[in-house]
Protein backbone atom coordinates (compact mmCIF):
# COMPACT_ATOMS: atom_id res chain seq x y z
CA MET A 1 -92.00 69.51 27.53
CA THR A 2 -89.62 67.33 29.54
CA VAL A 3 -90.83 63.75 29.88
CA THR A 4 -89.52 61.52 32.65
CA PRO A 5 -89.20 57.71 32.54
CA ASP A 6 -91.65 57.54 35.44
CA GLN A 7 -94.32 59.21 33.30
CA PHE A 8 -93.84 56.60 30.59
CA THR A 9 -94.03 53.76 33.08
CA LYS A 10 -97.18 55.02 34.78
CA MET A 11 -98.95 55.72 31.50
CA SER A 12 -97.95 52.33 30.09
CA LYS A 13 -99.39 50.58 33.14
CA ARG A 14 -102.60 52.59 32.88
CA LEU A 15 -103.01 51.78 29.19
CA GLN A 16 -102.44 48.09 29.85
CA GLU A 17 -105.25 48.26 32.41
CA VAL A 18 -107.48 49.77 29.71
CA GLN A 19 -106.60 46.92 27.34
CA THR A 20 -107.31 44.32 30.03
CA GLU A 21 -110.64 45.92 30.94
CA ILE A 22 -111.79 45.87 27.31
CA GLY A 23 -110.78 42.19 27.13
CA ARG A 24 -113.06 41.44 30.10
CA PHE A 25 -116.05 42.15 27.90
CA ILE A 26 -114.84 41.49 24.32
CA VAL A 27 -114.02 37.83 23.70
CA GLY A 28 -110.92 37.26 21.56
CA GLN A 29 -110.21 39.94 18.94
CA GLU A 30 -106.92 40.78 20.65
CA GLU A 31 -105.51 42.28 17.45
CA ALA A 32 -108.59 44.45 16.85
CA ILE A 33 -108.45 45.75 20.44
CA GLU A 34 -104.71 46.33 20.23
CA PHE A 35 -104.70 48.29 16.97
CA SER A 36 -107.81 50.27 17.84
CA LEU A 37 -105.97 51.49 20.95
CA TYR A 38 -102.84 52.22 18.92
CA ALA A 39 -104.89 54.35 16.50
CA ILE A 40 -106.50 56.26 19.36
CA LEU A 41 -103.16 56.86 21.06
CA ALA A 42 -101.70 58.04 17.75
CA ASP A 43 -104.62 60.49 17.43
CA GLY A 44 -105.88 58.87 14.24
CA HIS A 45 -108.87 57.06 12.78
CA ALA A 46 -109.33 53.36 12.11
CA LEU A 47 -111.33 51.27 9.64
CA LEU A 48 -112.57 47.88 10.91
CA GLU A 49 -113.52 45.30 8.30
CA GLY A 50 -115.22 42.02 9.08
CA LEU A 51 -118.28 39.86 8.58
CA PRO A 52 -121.60 40.86 10.20
CA GLY A 53 -122.09 39.87 13.82
CA LEU A 54 -118.42 39.72 14.84
CA GLY A 55 -118.79 42.49 17.42
CA LYS A 56 -117.26 45.47 15.60
CA THR A 57 -119.86 47.88 16.93
CA MET A 58 -119.69 46.42 20.43
CA LEU A 59 -115.90 46.68 20.43
CA ILE A 60 -115.98 50.39 19.62
CA ARG A 61 -118.71 51.09 22.17
CA THR A 62 -116.75 49.17 24.82
CA ILE A 63 -113.59 51.18 24.10
CA SER A 64 -115.52 54.44 24.48
CA ASP A 65 -116.97 53.25 27.81
CA VAL A 66 -113.62 52.21 29.26
CA LEU A 67 -111.96 55.45 28.09
CA ASP A 68 -114.97 57.47 29.36
CA LEU A 69 -115.50 59.30 26.05
CA SER A 70 -118.75 60.64 24.64
CA PHE A 71 -120.01 58.27 21.95
CA SER A 72 -122.27 58.49 18.92
CA ARG A 73 -123.19 55.97 16.26
CA ILE A 74 -124.05 56.86 12.66
CA GLN A 75 -125.72 54.10 10.64
CA PHE A 76 -124.72 54.81 7.04
CA THR A 77 -127.47 54.19 4.47
CA PRO A 78 -127.90 55.25 0.81
CA ASP A 79 -130.37 58.00 1.77
CA LEU A 80 -128.16 59.53 4.48
CA MET A 81 -127.39 63.21 3.79
CA PRO A 82 -124.22 65.17 4.78
CA SER A 83 -126.29 67.35 7.13
CA ASP A 84 -127.40 64.19 8.97
CA ILE A 85 -123.74 63.84 10.00
CA THR A 86 -122.53 67.39 10.49
CA GLY A 87 -125.74 69.04 11.66
CA THR A 88 -127.63 71.95 10.17
CA SER A 89 -128.73 75.53 10.83
CA LEU A 90 -132.42 76.06 11.50
CA ILE A 91 -134.47 79.25 11.58
CA GLU A 92 -136.00 79.72 15.03
CA ARG A 93 -137.81 82.49 16.84
CA ASP A 94 -136.25 84.01 19.94
CA ALA A 95 -138.11 85.30 23.00
CA ASP A 96 -138.88 88.60 21.20
CA GLY A 97 -140.37 86.80 18.20
CA LYS A 98 -137.41 87.59 15.93
CA GLN A 99 -136.18 84.94 13.56
CA GLN A 100 -132.55 83.83 13.76
CA PHE A 101 -130.38 80.93 12.69
CA SER A 102 -129.67 78.29 15.32
CA PHE A 103 -127.17 75.49 14.71
CA ARG A 104 -128.13 71.95 15.69
CA GLU A 105 -125.07 69.76 16.07
CA GLY A 106 -124.99 66.43 14.28
CA PRO A 107 -123.60 63.16 15.69
CA ILE A 108 -120.10 64.02 14.44
CA PHE A 109 -119.73 66.36 17.45
CA HIS A 110 -118.73 63.62 19.88
CA GLN A 111 -115.34 62.36 21.02
CA MET A 112 -115.74 58.88 19.55
CA VAL A 113 -117.85 58.44 16.44
CA LEU A 114 -118.81 55.04 15.05
CA ALA A 115 -119.40 55.25 11.30
CA ASP A 116 -121.25 51.96 10.89
CA GLU A 117 -121.12 50.35 7.41
CA ILE A 118 -119.55 53.45 5.94
CA ASN A 119 -119.53 51.99 2.42
CA ARG A 120 -123.36 52.02 2.29
CA ALA A 121 -123.61 55.81 2.01
CA THR A 122 -123.16 57.81 -1.19
CA PRO A 123 -119.78 59.46 -1.95
CA LYS A 124 -121.25 62.90 -1.17
CA THR A 125 -122.15 61.78 2.34
CA GLN A 126 -118.88 59.88 2.81
CA SER A 127 -116.97 63.05 1.94
CA ALA A 128 -118.72 64.90 4.78
CA LEU A 129 -116.37 62.98 7.08
CA LEU A 130 -113.21 64.04 5.21
CA GLU A 131 -112.79 67.51 6.67
CA ALA A 132 -113.72 66.32 10.16
CA MET A 133 -111.24 63.43 9.97
CA GLY A 134 -108.41 65.38 8.39
CA GLU A 135 -108.72 68.85 9.86
CA LYS A 136 -110.89 68.13 12.94
CA THR A 137 -113.18 70.95 11.91
CA VAL A 138 -116.54 71.17 10.13
CA THR A 139 -117.51 74.12 7.91
CA ILE A 140 -121.25 74.81 7.66
CA LEU A 141 -122.53 77.84 5.72
CA GLY A 142 -119.06 79.35 5.92
CA ASP A 143 -118.83 78.91 9.69
CA THR A 144 -115.98 76.65 10.85
CA LYS A 145 -116.63 74.66 14.01
CA GLN A 146 -114.05 72.72 16.02
CA MET A 147 -114.54 69.05 16.79
CA ALA A 148 -114.43 67.63 20.31
CA ARG A 149 -111.04 66.82 21.81
CA PRO A 150 -110.00 64.08 21.60
CA PHE A 151 -111.84 63.08 18.42
CA PHE A 152 -111.84 59.71 16.67
CA VAL A 153 -113.75 58.14 13.82
CA LEU A 154 -113.84 54.35 13.94
CA ALA A 155 -115.60 53.10 10.82
CA THR A 156 -116.80 49.62 9.93
CA GLN A 157 -117.49 47.99 6.60
CA ASN A 158 -118.77 44.61 5.47
CA PRO A 159 -116.48 42.93 2.90
CA ILE A 160 -119.05 40.53 1.41
CA GLU A 161 -122.23 42.50 0.67
CA MET A 162 -121.12 44.68 -2.24
CA GLU A 163 -124.51 45.21 -3.94
CA GLY A 164 -125.86 48.67 -3.22
CA THR A 165 -122.62 49.85 -1.65
CA TYR A 166 -120.20 52.61 -2.59
CA PRO A 167 -116.57 51.51 -2.10
CA LEU A 168 -114.49 54.15 -0.37
CA PRO A 169 -112.22 56.04 -2.78
CA GLU A 170 -108.48 55.77 -2.23
CA ALA A 171 -108.27 59.39 -0.99
CA GLN A 172 -110.71 58.66 1.82
CA MET A 173 -109.18 55.27 2.64
CA ASP A 174 -105.86 57.06 3.11
CA ARG A 175 -107.44 59.19 5.84
CA PHE A 176 -107.63 56.12 8.05
CA LEU A 177 -104.49 55.52 10.05
CA CYS A 178 -104.97 51.76 9.79
CA LYS A 179 -107.30 49.08 8.45
CA ILE A 180 -108.04 46.39 11.03
CA LEU A 181 -109.37 42.96 10.04
CA VAL A 182 -111.90 41.57 12.53
CA ILE A 183 -111.48 37.80 12.34
CA TYR A 184 -113.98 35.01 12.92
CA PRO A 185 -113.80 33.58 16.50
CA ASN A 186 -112.54 30.07 17.14
CA ARG A 187 -114.49 27.27 18.84
CA SER A 188 -113.70 28.21 22.44
CA GLU A 189 -114.29 31.92 21.78
CA LEU A 190 -117.70 31.19 20.27
CA ALA A 191 -118.67 29.26 23.40
CA GLU A 192 -117.47 32.07 25.67
CA ILE A 193 -119.38 34.68 23.64
CA SER A 194 -122.54 32.63 24.17
CA ARG A 195 -121.93 32.41 27.93
CA ARG A 196 -121.39 36.15 28.28
CA THR A 197 -124.26 37.32 26.11
CA THR A 198 -127.11 34.85 26.66
CA GLY A 199 -127.00 34.52 30.44
CA SER A 200 -128.40 36.71 33.18
CA GLU A 201 -125.03 38.00 34.41
CA THR A 202 -124.05 41.49 33.22
CA ILE A 203 -120.41 42.58 33.07
CA GLN A 204 -119.96 46.07 34.51
CA LEU A 205 -117.09 47.90 32.84
CA GLU A 206 -114.85 50.23 34.84
CA LYS A 207 -113.84 53.58 33.40
CA LYS A 208 -110.06 53.48 33.36
CA MET A 209 -109.23 56.83 31.73
CA GLY A 210 -110.82 60.12 30.75
CA ALA A 211 -110.41 62.63 27.94
CA GLU A 212 -107.74 64.61 29.79
CA ALA A 213 -105.62 61.54 30.55
CA LEU A 214 -105.99 60.33 26.97
CA VAL A 215 -104.77 63.65 25.57
CA ALA A 216 -101.77 63.37 27.93
CA ALA A 217 -101.10 59.85 26.58
CA GLN A 218 -101.20 61.20 23.01
CA GLN A 219 -98.59 63.79 23.94
CA LEU A 220 -96.38 61.05 25.40
CA VAL A 221 -96.67 59.11 22.14
CA LYS A 222 -95.23 62.10 20.30
CA SER A 223 -92.33 62.13 22.77
CA VAL A 224 -91.33 58.53 21.97
CA MET A 225 -87.96 58.66 20.19
CA ILE A 226 -87.06 57.06 16.89
CA ALA A 227 -83.39 56.68 15.95
CA GLU A 228 -82.25 57.81 12.51
CA ASP A 229 -81.42 54.29 11.33
CA ILE A 230 -84.83 53.01 12.48
CA LEU A 231 -86.47 55.91 10.64
CA MET A 232 -84.65 54.87 7.47
CA VAL A 233 -85.96 51.33 7.89
CA ALA A 234 -89.48 52.81 7.93
CA VAL A 235 -88.65 54.76 4.76
CA ASP A 236 -87.32 51.53 3.25
CA ILE A 237 -90.60 49.74 4.01
CA ILE A 238 -92.70 52.49 2.40
CA GLN A 239 -90.52 52.74 -0.71
CA ASN A 240 -90.63 48.99 -1.25
CA THR A 241 -94.44 49.11 -1.53
CA SER A 242 -94.18 51.18 -4.71
CA PRO A 243 -93.52 49.31 -7.99
CA GLN A 244 -91.35 52.19 -9.25
CA ASP A 245 -89.00 52.09 -6.26
CA SER A 246 -89.19 48.48 -5.08
CA SER A 247 -86.52 45.87 -5.73
CA ILE A 248 -89.01 43.08 -5.05
CA GLN A 249 -90.13 41.35 -8.25
CA GLN A 250 -93.66 40.55 -7.00
CA ILE A 251 -94.26 44.19 -6.04
CA GLN A 252 -93.18 45.33 -9.49
CA GLN A 253 -95.42 42.72 -11.12
CA TYR A 254 -98.62 42.91 -9.08
CA VAL A 255 -98.85 46.38 -7.48
CA GLN A 256 -100.17 49.44 -9.29
CA TYR A 257 -99.73 52.02 -6.54
CA GLY A 258 -97.87 51.84 -3.26
CA SER A 259 -97.96 53.88 -0.08
CA GLY A 260 -96.90 57.51 0.16
CA PRO A 261 -95.81 60.03 2.82
CA ARG A 262 -99.03 59.66 4.82
CA GLY A 263 -98.34 55.92 5.05
CA LEU A 264 -94.88 56.65 6.47
CA GLN A 265 -96.36 59.05 9.03
CA SER A 266 -98.97 56.48 10.02
CA LEU A 267 -96.35 53.72 10.33
CA ILE A 268 -94.22 55.78 12.70
CA ARG A 269 -97.17 57.05 14.74
CA LEU A 270 -98.54 53.56 15.31
CA ALA A 271 -95.06 52.21 16.10
CA LYS A 272 -94.63 54.96 18.71
CA ALA A 273 -98.03 54.10 20.22
CA ARG A 274 -97.01 50.44 20.52
CA ALA A 275 -93.73 51.42 22.17
CA LEU A 276 -95.55 53.54 24.76
CA LEU A 277 -98.09 50.83 25.56
CA GLU A 278 -95.21 48.44 26.17
CA GLY A 279 -93.41 50.96 28.37
CA ARG A 280 -90.52 51.80 26.05
CA PHE A 281 -89.12 55.23 25.20
CA HIS A 282 -88.00 54.40 21.66
CA VAL A 283 -89.28 52.71 18.51
CA SER A 284 -87.79 49.36 17.48
CA ILE A 285 -87.76 47.57 14.13
CA GLY A 286 -90.12 45.07 15.74
CA ASP A 287 -92.62 47.89 16.34
CA LEU A 288 -92.47 48.92 12.68
CA LYS A 289 -92.97 45.38 11.43
CA HIS A 290 -95.76 44.66 13.92
CA VAL A 291 -97.91 47.59 12.78
CA ALA A 292 -97.03 47.47 9.06
CA LYS A 293 -99.93 45.34 7.79
CA PRO A 294 -102.79 47.43 9.25
CA VAL A 295 -101.02 50.58 8.04
CA LEU A 296 -100.29 49.39 4.49
CA ARG A 297 -103.03 46.93 3.49
CA HIS A 298 -105.39 49.72 2.37
CA ARG A 299 -102.62 51.82 0.84
CA MET A 300 -101.36 49.26 -1.68
CA LEU A 301 -103.50 49.01 -4.82
CA LEU A 302 -103.10 45.85 -6.90
CA ASN A 303 -103.01 46.06 -10.69
CA TYR A 304 -105.14 43.95 -13.05
CA GLU A 305 -102.66 41.07 -13.04
CA GLY A 306 -102.53 41.03 -9.25
CA GLU A 307 -106.33 41.00 -8.99
CA ALA A 308 -106.66 38.31 -11.67
CA GLU A 309 -104.17 36.02 -9.95
CA GLY A 310 -105.76 36.53 -6.54
CA GLN A 311 -102.72 38.11 -4.93
CA ASN A 312 -103.08 38.89 -1.23
CA THR A 313 -101.94 42.31 -0.06
CA ASP A 314 -100.86 41.03 3.36
CA ALA A 315 -98.65 38.40 1.69
CA LEU A 316 -97.00 41.10 -0.41
CA ILE A 317 -96.42 43.17 2.74
CA ASP A 318 -94.65 40.14 4.24
CA LEU A 319 -92.25 40.25 1.28
CA VAL A 320 -91.65 43.94 1.90
CA LEU A 321 -90.94 43.33 5.59
CA SER A 322 -88.51 40.53 4.79
CA GLU A 323 -86.41 43.06 2.87
CA ALA A 324 -86.80 45.90 5.38
CA GLY A 325 -83.57 47.39 6.62
CA LYS A 326 -81.17 45.31 4.54
CA GLY A 327 -79.77 48.38 2.86
CA VAL A 328 -79.82 50.48 6.02
CA LEU A 329 -78.69 48.39 9.00
CA LYS A 330 -75.20 46.92 8.79
């Protein structure tokens, strides 16, 4: 498919309108809005982590409204079963009185799915999302069903209430394109939240895109170019997260496992999404560095010494980025 500069420009302008419209309703949280859109444009899934009451659920619902996507919310609890997510086959009688199996779709069969407090469900239920997230299909009683298109899982988790929760295993964490930290609002943002939510005025959101336009935007993201030397900088970043390959002393000392090929793919996909949103046809080193923390913070596992000394993954990523490209760009 031949892509013209005019297509990039028009799509970039349209996506910026989407971002602005979301910001009309969501106070602050610019980074959460930005990276959620990047993940959607890159056709991936995102994990949002933050304290209760910071608007994670409202953010995801607002994005689905502005993008005009079908939306469902799954509240994860310890007694939630896999069939509560995927759906189940029931025996029903037809008009002739004969019994037959009829499939009832679960909430996973929507374009945007909010997996609320995903770490509260058991591993068996959490794994029900794996096939849907990775393959965009669900297999029930041997019958494989396609997910909606486009399809996104945006999951939330609470970092402070750990009792009665089931931390996501590394394999499932890796399914998320990025991990977004939802930060506490500042003084002025708190006041504005109060004005918007406790008064009589209701903000009416405009639908700025639809499923068809969003799929077209995803195709444009794939068309964004990345030069060979920029690609090698991305490879450099990923390799430096691994203690076996890194030349950084702190990485060798405090990290047990680094990122792998899926991390590299995610880094490039998010960097391409950022380039498109800003109206550029190619990925820059700035794009790679800008998206690196959300991509890598859940893919770097600290060892015992790192945990004991309270090392911060984001700070270690800063060290990795400071070395990025030194052996590649002359």
